[in-house]
Amino acid sequence: MAVNRTADFALLCQHFSDAKGATALQKPAHTPFQENAQFNAAASDISKEVYQASKRLQQLTQLVRQNNMFNDPTDAINELAALVKKDITDINMQLDNLQEYIDSKRQSATSRQAARHSDAVVSLMKSNLMATTKGFKDILEVRQENMKLQQSRRARYGKTASRALGKPLAFKAPKPPRSNSSHTDSEQEVNLFNTLPRPGLNMADTKQTEIQPLITTMTQEQLVAEQQNYAESRAGAVSQIESHIVDIGQLFGRLSTLIHEQGDLVRR
């Protein structure tokens, strides 16, 4: 006698359908190939940024090497230094994020080999970034020494100019013709302001003769004010460079430690 098994077949189909759906839900959102492609794209972007930072560092180095007391490209140097520092900081943060992504995939047995390759890639990029950071730190120290030297030279130049403004101009009188007299030839220094007439001024007017000392005093005050403004601006620039050196030095030390640890991890 035939038995109707339609209900049993329907239950069996429902069972396989539910099992297939559960398997689909457990399937990872990205395949290993897709994950590897994402990693390669991120690593490529970071490498491009490291290259861009290196180019800016080369431009900064050229400007710093142009050591000129009277034509110092301070604004351009400060702008480039700030950009290079930002580049290095951002790249380091991106490398940290990439390393965290690799560590999260390391637990999977199928991803261990890929993770080892990724570790080697990140280690290489960190080495390149550390070289850029070292070059940046070195050129900042050169800049710091140049600025201190310029300040010293400018201070000496300013003192010399200030003393010169306070001195009257003098010239040597020509030698008188030789005579049979017993007097010997001599050279006399004559005060130019006392011997040469000034155009437009009445030598008899004592008030007019006071104008020249007043002009000299005003010029000296102007020179002192310019020296003070220059000293303040240079002090601010030196302080900024010193701050960059401290920050980059700390980052360089951290990168050095990470690269050492990364090398141990890759060897294991």
C-alpha atoms as a PDB file:
ATOM      1  CA  MET A   1       0.000   0.000   0.000  1.00  0.00           C
ATOM      2  CA  ALA A   2       1.463   3.354  -1.047  1.00  0.00           C
ATOM      3  CA  VAL A   3       2.181   5.941   1.658  1.00  0.00           C
ATOM      4  CA  ASN A   4       2.033   9.701   1.061  1.00  0.00           C
ATOM      5  CA  ARG A   5       5.508  11.111   1.952  1.00  0.00           C
ATOM      6  CA  THR A   6       4.908  14.618   0.612  1.00  0.00           C
ATOM      7  CA  ALA A   7       4.975  16.200   4.049  1.00  0.00           C
ATOM      8  CA  ASP A   8       8.211  14.410   4.945  1.00  0.00           C
ATOM      9  CA  PHE A   9       9.866  15.598   1.712  1.00  0.00           C
ATOM     10  CA  ALA A  10       8.787  19.171   2.397  1.00  0.00           C
ATOM     11  CA  LEU A  11      10.336  19.024   5.868  1.00  0.00           C
ATOM     12  CA  LEU A  12      13.585  17.653   4.444  1.00  0.00           C
ATOM     13  CA  CYS A  13      13.778  20.434   1.835  1.00  0.00           C
ATOM     14  CA  GLN A  14      13.168  23.021   4.544  1.00  0.00           C
ATOM     15  CA  HIS A  15      15.979  21.524   6.625  1.00  0.00           C
ATOM     16  CA  PHE A  16      18.521  21.776   3.795  1.00  0.00           C
ATOM     17  CA  SER A  17      17.332  25.282   2.948  1.00  0.00           C
ATOM     18  CA  ASP A  18      17.845  26.458   6.531  1.00  0.00           C
ATOM     19  CA  ALA A  19      21.277  24.813   6.685  1.00  0.00           C
ATOM     20  CA  LYS A  20      22.354  26.523   3.464  1.00  0.00           C
ATOM     21  CA  GLY A  21      21.184  29.887   4.749  1.00  0.00           C
ATOM     22  CA  ALA A  22      23.107  29.475   7.980  1.00  0.00           C
ATOM     23  CA  THR A  23      26.261  28.625   6.024  1.00  0.00           C
ATOM     24  CA  ALA A  24      25.834  31.743   3.911  1.00  0.00           C
ATOM     25  CA  LEU A  25      25.526  33.880   7.035  1.00  0.00           C
ATOM     26  CA  GLN A  26      28.717  32.406   8.473  1.00  0.00           C
ATOM     27  CA  LYS A  27      30.667  33.078   5.271  1.00  0.00           C
ATOM     28  CA  PRO A  28      33.150  35.967   5.703  1.00  0.00           C
ATOM     29  CA  ALA A  29      32.227  39.272   4.114  1.00  0.00           C
ATOM     30  CA  HIS A  30      35.535  39.377   2.228  1.00  0.00           C
ATOM     31  CA  THR A  31      37.533  36.577   0.705  1.00  0.00           C
ATOM     32  CA  PRO A  32      41.286  36.346   1.398  1.00  0.00           C
ATOM     33  CA  PHE A  33      41.907  37.629  -2.117  1.00  0.00           C
ATOM     34  CA  GLN A  34      39.748  40.701  -1.476  1.00  0.00           C
ATOM     35  CA  GLU A  35      41.466  41.346   1.851  1.00  0.00           C
ATOM     36  CA  ASN A  36      44.884  41.085   0.219  1.00  0.00           C
ATOM     37  CA  ALA A  37      43.821  43.528  -2.501  1.00  0.00           C
ATOM     38  CA  GLN A  38      42.665  46.025   0.133  1.00  0.00           C
ATOM     39  CA  PHE A  39      45.953  45.718   1.993  1.00  0.00           C
ATOM     40  CA  ASN A  40      47.979  46.235  -1.192  1.00  0.00           C
ATOM     41  CA  ALA A  41      45.954  49.342  -2.078  1.00  0.00           C
ATOM     42  CA  ALA A  42      46.481  50.838   1.391  1.00  0.00           C
ATOM     43  CA  ALA A  43      50.203  50.036   1.320  1.00  0.00           C
ATOM     44  CA  SER A  44      50.533  51.629  -2.128  1.00  0.00           C
ATOM     45  CA  ASP A  45      48.876  54.850  -0.927  1.00  0.00           C
ATOM     46  CA  ILE A  46      51.185  55.039   2.093  1.00  0.00           C
ATOM     47  CA  SER A  47      54.264  54.472  -0.089  1.00  0.00           C
ATOM     48  CA  LYS A  48      53.214  57.383  -2.302  1.00  0.00           C
ATOM     49  CA  GLU A  49      52.866  59.629   0.745  1.00  0.00           C
ATOM     50  CA  VAL A  50      56.326  58.615   1.979  1.00  0.00           C
ATOM     51  CA  TYR A  51      57.732  59.551  -1.434  1.00  0.00           C
ATOM     52  CA  GLN A  52      55.952  62.919  -1.340  1.00  0.00           C
ATOM     53  CA  ALA A  53      57.342  63.621   2.131  1.00  0.00           C
ATOM     54  CA  SER A  54      60.847  62.761   0.876  1.00  0.00           C
ATOM     55  CA  LYS A  55      60.510  65.254  -1.990  1.00  0.00           C
ATOM     56  CA  ARG A  56      59.456  68.000   0.390  1.00  0.00           C
ATOM     57  CA  LEU A  57      62.375  67.116   2.639  1.00  0.00           C
ATOM     58  CA  GLN A  58      64.751  67.574  -0.322  1.00  0.00           C
ATOM     59  CA  GLN A  59      63.296  71.037  -1.001  1.00  0.00           C
ATOM     60  CA  LEU A  60      63.636  71.937   2.667  1.00  0.00           C
ATOM     61  CA  THR A  61      67.260  70.778   2.680  1.00  0.00           C
ATOM     62  CA  GLN A  62      68.098  72.982  -0.307  1.00  0.00           C
ATOM     63  CA  LEU A  63      66.555  76.040   1.354  1.00  0.00           C
ATOM     64  CA  VAL A  64      68.326  75.441   4.653  1.00  0.00           C
ATOM     65  CA  ARG A  65      71.688  75.042   2.899  1.00  0.00           C
ATOM     66  CA  GLN A  66      71.252  78.539   1.409  1.00  0.00           C
ATOM     67  CA  ASN A  67      72.677  80.209   4.488  1.00  0.00           C
ATOM     68  CA  ASN A  68      72.386  83.956   3.879  1.00  0.00           C
ATOM     69  CA  MET A  69      72.126  86.427   6.722  1.00  0.00           C
ATOM     70  CA  PHE A  70      70.443  89.158   4.655  1.00  0.00           C
ATOM     71  CA  ASN A  71      68.192  86.996   2.456  1.00  0.00           C
ATOM     72  CA  ASP A  72      67.010  84.120   4.620  1.00  0.00           C
ATOM     73  CA  PRO A  73      63.856  82.330   3.287  1.00  0.00           C
ATOM     74  CA  THR A  74      62.385  81.989   6.776  1.00  0.00           C
ATOM     75  CA  ASP A  75      58.722  81.800   5.738  1.00  0.00           C
ATOM     76  CA  ALA A  76      59.339  79.171   3.058  1.00  0.00           C
ATOM     77  CA  ILE A  77      61.451  77.077   5.437  1.00  0.00           C
ATOM     78  CA  ASN A  78      58.863  77.232   8.231  1.00  0.00           C
ATOM     79  CA  GLU A  79      56.052  76.296   5.834  1.00  0.00           C
ATOM     80  CA  LEU A  80      57.936  73.318   4.401  1.00  0.00           C
ATOM     81  CA  ALA A  81      59.032  72.146   7.849  1.00  0.00           C
ATOM     82  CA  ALA A  82      55.418  72.168   9.069  1.00  0.00           C
ATOM     83  CA  LEU A  83      54.283  70.203   5.997  1.00  0.00           C
ATOM     84  CA  VAL A  84      57.005  67.570   6.347  1.00  0.00           C
ATOM     85  CA  LYS A  85      56.247  67.139  10.044  1.00  0.00           C
ATOM     86  CA  LYS A  86      52.526  66.695   9.288  1.00  0.00           C
ATOM     87  CA  ASP A  87      53.312  64.189   6.515  1.00  0.00           C
ATOM     88  CA  ILE A  88      55.490  62.091   8.810  1.00  0.00           C
ATOM     89  CA  THR A  89      52.934  62.145  11.643  1.00  0.00           C
ATOM     90  CA  ASP A  90      50.043  61.165   9.344  1.00  0.00           C
ATOM     91  CA  ILE A  91      52.020  58.368   7.681  1.00  0.00           C
ATOM     92  CA  ASN A  92      53.022  56.944  11.041  1.00  0.00           C
ATOM     93  CA  MET A  93      49.368  56.893  12.120  1.00  0.00           C
ATOM     94  CA  GLN A  94      48.340  55.109   8.908  1.00  0.00           C
ATOM     95  CA  LEU A  95      51.052  52.495   9.410  1.00  0.00           C
ATOM     96  CA  ASP A  96      49.795  51.873  12.946  1.00  0.00           C
ATOM     97  CA  ASN A  97      46.268  51.337  11.625  1.00  0.00           C
ATOM     98  CA  LEU A  98      47.554  48.981   8.946  1.00  0.00           C
ATOM     99  CA  GLN A  99      49.496  46.998  11.540  1.00  0.00           C
ATOM    100  CA  GLU A 100      46.382  46.646  13.693  1.00  0.00           C
ATOM    101  CA  TYR A 101      44.494  45.313  10.664  1.00  0.00           C
ATOM    102  CA  ILE A 102      47.212  42.696  10.071  1.00  0.00           C
ATOM    103  CA  ASP A 103      47.185  41.644  13.735  1.00  0.00           C
ATOM    104  CA  SER A 104      43.414  41.151  13.638  1.00  0.00           C
ATOM    105  CA  LYS A 105      43.783  38.715  10.720  1.00  0.00           C
ATOM    106  CA  ARG A 106      46.693  36.823  12.245  1.00  0.00           C
ATOM    107  CA  GLN A 107      44.411  34.607  14.358  1.00  0.00           C
ATOM    108  CA  SER A 108      43.065  32.875  11.277  1.00  0.00           C
ATOM    109  CA  ALA A 109      45.166  29.856  10.234  1.00  0.00           C
ATOM    110  CA  THR A 110      44.512  30.528   6.539  1.00  0.00           C
ATOM    111  CA  SER A 111      45.801  34.111   6.872  1.00  0.00           C
ATOM    112  CA  ARG A 112      49.075  33.458   8.697  1.00  0.00           C
ATOM    113  CA  GLN A 113      51.196  33.283   5.567  1.00  0.00           C
ATOM    114  CA  ALA A 114      49.568  36.404   4.156  1.00  0.00           C
ATOM    115  CA  ALA A 115      50.053  38.147   7.505  1.00  0.00           C
ATOM    116  CA  ARG A 116      53.768  37.327   7.465  1.00  0.00           C
ATOM    117  CA  HIS A 117      54.084  38.862   4.001  1.00  0.00           C
ATOM    118  CA  SER A 118      52.123  41.914   5.150  1.00  0.00           C
ATOM    119  CA  ASP A 119      54.417  42.267   8.177  1.00  0.00           C
ATOM    120  CA  ALA A 120      57.430  42.394   5.872  1.00  0.00           C
ATOM    121  CA  VAL A 121      55.787  45.072   3.705  1.00  0.00           C
ATOM    122  CA  VAL A 122      54.872  47.229   6.702  1.00  0.00           C
ATOM    123  CA  SER A 123      58.366  46.797   8.149  1.00  0.00           C
ATOM    124  CA  LEU A 124      59.895  48.049   4.897  1.00  0.00           C
ATOM    125  CA  MET A 125      57.619  51.100   4.821  1.00  0.00           C
ATOM    126  CA  LYS A 126      58.439  51.867   8.446  1.00  0.00           C
ATOM    127  CA  SER A 127      62.147  51.698   7.588  1.00  0.00           C
ATOM    128  CA  ASN A 128      61.625  54.167   4.735  1.00  0.00           C
ATOM    129  CA  LEU A 129      59.647  56.462   7.006  1.00  0.00           C
ATOM    130  CA  MET A 130      62.352  56.248   9.677  1.00  0.00           C
ATOM    131  CA  ALA A 131      64.989  57.267   7.109  1.00  0.00           C
ATOM    132  CA  THR A 132      62.860  60.269   6.141  1.00  0.00           C
ATOM    133  CA  THR A 133      62.334  61.129   9.807  1.00  0.00           C
ATOM    134  CA  LYS A 134      66.076  60.910  10.489  1.00  0.00           C
ATOM    135  CA  GLY A 135      66.831  63.196   7.542  1.00  0.00           C
ATOM    136  CA  PHE A 136      64.212  65.679   8.737  1.00  0.00           C
ATOM    137  CA  LYS A 137      65.639  65.699  12.258  1.00  0.00           C
ATOM    138  CA  ASP A 138      69.176  66.238  10.922  1.00  0.00           C
ATOM    139  CA  ILE A 139      68.229  69.177   8.696  1.00  0.00           C
ATOM    140  CA  LEU A 140      66.260  70.764  11.551  1.00  0.00           C
ATOM    141  CA  GLU A 141      69.393  70.653  13.680  1.00  0.00           C
ATOM    142  CA  VAL A 142      71.392  72.251  10.843  1.00  0.00           C
ATOM    143  CA  ARG A 143      68.748  74.966  10.610  1.00  0.00           C
ATOM    144  CA  GLN A 144      68.932  75.527  14.348  1.00  0.00           C
ATOM    145  CA  GLU A 145      72.705  76.022  14.245  1.00  0.00           C
ATOM    146  CA  ASN A 146      72.468  78.328  11.208  1.00  0.00           C
ATOM    147  CA  MET A 147      69.913  80.539  12.917  1.00  0.00           C
ATOM    148  CA  LYS A 148      72.013  80.851  16.056  1.00  0.00           C
ATOM    149  CA  LEU A 149      75.034  81.762  13.923  1.00  0.00           C
ATOM    150  CA  GLN A 150      73.003  84.348  12.009  1.00  0.00           C
ATOM    151  CA  GLN A 151      71.809  85.878  15.265  1.00  0.00           C
ATOM    152  CA  SER A 152      75.376  86.190  16.498  1.00  0.00           C
ATOM    153  CA  ARG A 153      76.559  87.781  13.257  1.00  0.00           C
ATOM    154  CA  ARG A 154      73.591  90.134  13.117  1.00  0.00           C
ATOM    155  CA  ALA A 155      74.228  91.245  16.688  1.00  0.00           C
ATOM    156  CA  ARG A 156      77.881  92.034  15.921  1.00  0.00           C
ATOM    157  CA  TYR A 157      76.920  93.836  12.712  1.00  0.00           C
ATOM    158  CA  GLY A 158      74.302  95.888  14.525  1.00  0.00           C
ATOM    159  CA  LYS A 159      76.756  96.992  17.214  1.00  0.00           C
ATOM    160  CA  THR A 160      79.302  98.017  14.582  1.00  0.00           C
ATOM    161  CA  ALA A 161      76.719 100.020  12.650  1.00  0.00           C
ATOM    162  CA  SER A 162      75.467 101.664  15.837  1.00  0.00           C
ATOM    163  CA  ARG A 163      78.964 102.794  16.806  1.00  0.00           C
ATOM    164  CA  ALA A 164      79.588 104.093  13.289  1.00  0.00           C
ATOM    165  CA  LEU A 165      76.458 106.257  13.400  1.00  0.00           C
ATOM    166  CA  GLY A 166      77.694 107.980  16.539  1.00  0.00           C
ATOM    167  CA  LYS A 167      81.049 108.931  15.028  1.00  0.00           C
ATOM    168  CA  PRO A 168      81.571 112.084  12.938  1.00  0.00           C
ATOM    169  CA  LEU A 169      83.001 111.577   9.489  1.00  0.00           C
ATOM    170  CA  ALA A 170      86.632 112.626   9.124  1.00  0.00           C
ATOM    171  CA  PHE A 171      89.069 113.027   6.295  1.00  0.00           C
ATOM    172  CA  LYS A 172      92.760 113.619   6.026  1.00  0.00           C
ATOM    173  CA  ALA A 173      93.880 117.021   4.811  1.00  0.00           C
ATOM    174  CA  PRO A 174      96.228 117.003   1.804  1.00  0.00           C
ATOM    175  CA  LYS A 175      99.901 117.454   2.479  1.00  0.00           C
ATOM    176  CA  PRO A 176     101.044 121.094   2.281  1.00  0.00           C
ATOM    177  CA  PRO A 177     103.752 121.928  -0.291  1.00  0.00           C
ATOM    178  CA  ARG A 178     107.332 121.403   0.815  1.00  0.00           C
ATOM    179  CA  SER A 179     109.158 124.470   2.069  1.00  0.00           C
ATOM    180  CA  ASN A 180     112.535 125.295   3.477  1.00  0.00           C
ATOM    181  CA  SER A 181     111.056 125.824   6.866  1.00  0.00           C
ATOM    182  CA  SER A 182     112.041 123.536   9.671  1.00  0.00           C
ATOM    183  CA  HIS A 183     108.477 122.246  10.093  1.00  0.00           C
ATOM    184  CA  THR A 184     107.956 118.612   9.052  1.00  0.00           C
ATOM    185  CA  ASP A 185     105.049 117.357   6.951  1.00  0.00           C
ATOM    186  CA  SER A 186     102.119 116.125   9.007  1.00  0.00           C
ATOM    187  CA  GLU A 187      98.636 114.718   8.436  1.00  0.00           C
ATOM    188  CA  GLN A 188      95.701 116.242  10.251  1.00  0.00           C
ATOM    189  CA  GLU A 189      92.357 114.646  10.836  1.00  0.00           C
ATOM    190  CA  VAL A 190      89.680 117.273  10.395  1.00  0.00           C
ATOM    191  CA  ASN A 191      86.131 116.880  11.597  1.00  0.00           C
ATOM    192  CA  LEU A 192      83.963 116.972   8.492  1.00  0.00           C
ATOM    193  CA  PHE A 193      81.006 118.380  10.349  1.00  0.00           C
ATOM    194  CA  ASN A 194      83.145 121.235  11.693  1.00  0.00           C
ATOM    195  CA  THR A 195      85.027 122.165   8.502  1.00  0.00           C
ATOM    196  CA  LEU A 196      82.635 121.573   5.611  1.00  0.00           C
ATOM    197  CA  PRO A 197      79.748 123.982   5.104  1.00  0.00           C
ATOM    198  CA  ARG A 198      76.300 122.416   5.010  1.00  0.00           C
ATOM    199  CA  PRO A 199      74.139 123.490   2.063  1.00  0.00           C
ATOM    200  CA  GLY A 200      71.089 125.493   3.086  1.00  0.00           C
ATOM    201  CA  LEU A 201      72.223 126.027   6.644  1.00  0.00           C
ATOM    202  CA  ASN A 202      73.386 129.207   8.305  1.00  0.00           C
ATOM    203  CA  MET A 203      76.531 128.427  10.187  1.00  0.00           C
ATOM    204  CA  ALA A 204      75.867 131.351  12.470  1.00  0.00           C
ATOM    205  CA  ASP A 205      72.538 129.930  13.557  1.00  0.00           C
ATOM    206  CA  THR A 206      73.221 127.672  16.535  1.00  0.00           C
ATOM    207  CA  LYS A 207      69.742 126.133  16.405  1.00  0.00           C
ATOM    208  CA  GLN A 208      70.354 124.807  12.912  1.00  0.00           C
ATOM    209  CA  THR A 209      73.567 123.123  13.992  1.00  0.00           C
ATOM    210  CA  GLU A 210      71.584 120.940  16.410  1.00  0.00           C
ATOM    211  CA  ILE A 211      69.720 119.165  13.553  1.00  0.00           C
ATOM    212  CA  GLN A 212      72.532 116.746  12.700  1.00  0.00           C
ATOM    213  CA  PRO A 213      72.861 115.234  16.208  1.00  0.00           C
ATOM    214  CA  LEU A 214      69.066 114.848  16.292  1.00  0.00           C
ATOM    215  CA  ILE A 215      69.062 112.943  12.985  1.00  0.00           C
ATOM    216  CA  THR A 216      71.856 110.717  14.246  1.00  0.00           C
ATOM    217  CA  THR A 217      69.909 109.948  17.435  1.00  0.00           C
ATOM    218  CA  MET A 218      66.752 109.103  15.471  1.00  0.00           C
ATOM    219  CA  THR A 219      68.709 106.793  13.180  1.00  0.00           C
ATOM    220  CA  GLN A 220      70.246 104.996  16.140  1.00  0.00           C
ATOM    221  CA  GLU A 221      66.828 104.509  17.766  1.00  0.00           C
ATOM    222  CA  GLN A 222      65.416 103.146  14.520  1.00  0.00           C
ATOM    223  CA  LEU A 223      68.321 100.716  14.200  1.00  0.00           C
ATOM    224  CA  VAL A 224      67.860  99.518  17.783  1.00  0.00           C
ATOM    225  CA  ALA A 225      64.133  98.954  17.185  1.00  0.00           C
ATOM    226  CA  GLU A 226      64.842  96.955  14.031  1.00  0.00           C
ATOM    227  CA  GLN A 227      67.391  94.851  15.887  1.00  0.00           C
ATOM    228  CA  GLN A 228      64.892  94.112  18.657  1.00  0.00           C
ATOM    229  CA  ASN A 229      62.165  93.100  16.183  1.00  0.00           C
ATOM    230  CA  TYR A 230      64.603  90.880  14.317  1.00  0.00           C
ATOM    231  CA  ALA A 231      65.827  89.253  17.524  1.00  0.00           C
ATOM    232  CA  GLU A 232      62.259  88.526  18.663  1.00  0.00           C
ATOM    233  CA  SER A 233      61.252  86.998  15.323  1.00  0.00           C
ATOM    234  CA  ARG A 234      64.376  84.843  15.184  1.00  0.00           C
ATOM    235  CA  ALA A 235      63.887  83.700  18.766  1.00  0.00           C
ATOM    236  CA  GLY A 236      60.363  82.567  17.871  1.00  0.00           C
ATOM    237  CA  ALA A 237      61.635  80.723  14.802  1.00  0.00           C
ATOM    238  CA  VAL A 238      64.369  78.996  16.813  1.00  0.00           C
ATOM    239  CA  SER A 239      61.812  77.940  19.435  1.00  0.00           C
ATOM    240  CA  GLN A 240      59.595  76.459  16.714  1.00  0.00           C
ATOM    241  CA  ILE A 241      62.502  74.513  15.226  1.00  0.00           C
ATOM    242  CA  GLU A 242      63.448  73.189  18.665  1.00  0.00           C
ATOM    243  CA  SER A 243      59.855  72.013  19.198  1.00  0.00           C
ATOM    244  CA  HIS A 244      59.928  70.179  15.850  1.00  0.00           C
ATOM    245  CA  ILE A 245      63.223  68.527  16.800  1.00  0.00           C
ATOM    246  CA  VAL A 246      61.800  67.227  20.094  1.00  0.00           C
ATOM    247  CA  ASP A 247      58.627  65.839  18.477  1.00  0.00           C
ATOM    248  CA  ILE A 248      60.448  64.228  15.566  1.00  0.00           C
ATOM    249  CA  GLY A 249      63.098  62.811  17.899  1.00  0.00           C
ATOM    250  CA  GLN A 250      60.403  61.054  19.937  1.00  0.00           C
ATOM    251  CA  LEU A 251      58.755  59.702  16.786  1.00  0.00           C
ATOM    252  CA  PHE A 252      62.115  58.506  15.464  1.00  0.00           C
ATOM    253  CA  GLY A 253      62.799  56.594  18.676  1.00  0.00           C
ATOM    254  CA  ARG A 254      59.356  54.986  18.565  1.00  0.00           C
ATOM    255  CA  LEU A 255      59.786  53.962  14.921  1.00  0.00           C
ATOM    256  CA  SER A 256      63.159  52.436  15.705  1.00  0.00           C
ATOM    257  CA  THR A 257      61.616  50.302  18.462  1.00  0.00           C
ATOM    258  CA  LEU A 258      58.698  49.212  16.265  1.00  0.00           C
ATOM    259  CA  ILE A 259      60.987  48.209  13.412  1.00  0.00           C
ATOM    260  CA  HIS A 260      63.097  46.105  15.772  1.00  0.00           C
ATOM    261  CA  GLU A 261      59.976  44.349  17.089  1.00  0.00           C
ATOM    262  CA  GLN A 262      58.641  43.928  13.551  1.00  0.00           C
ATOM    263  CA  GLY A 263      61.865  42.243  12.482  1.00  0.00           C
ATOM    264  CA  ASP A 264      61.608  39.748  15.333  1.00  0.00           C
ATOM    265  CA  LEU A 265      58.007  39.009  14.373  1.00  0.00           C
ATOM    266  CA  VAL A 266      58.852  38.407  10.706  1.00  0.00           C
ATOM    267  CA  ARG A 267      61.723  36.055  11.620  1.00  0.00           C
ATOM    268  CA  ARG A 268      59.372  33.981  13.780  1.00  0.00           C
END
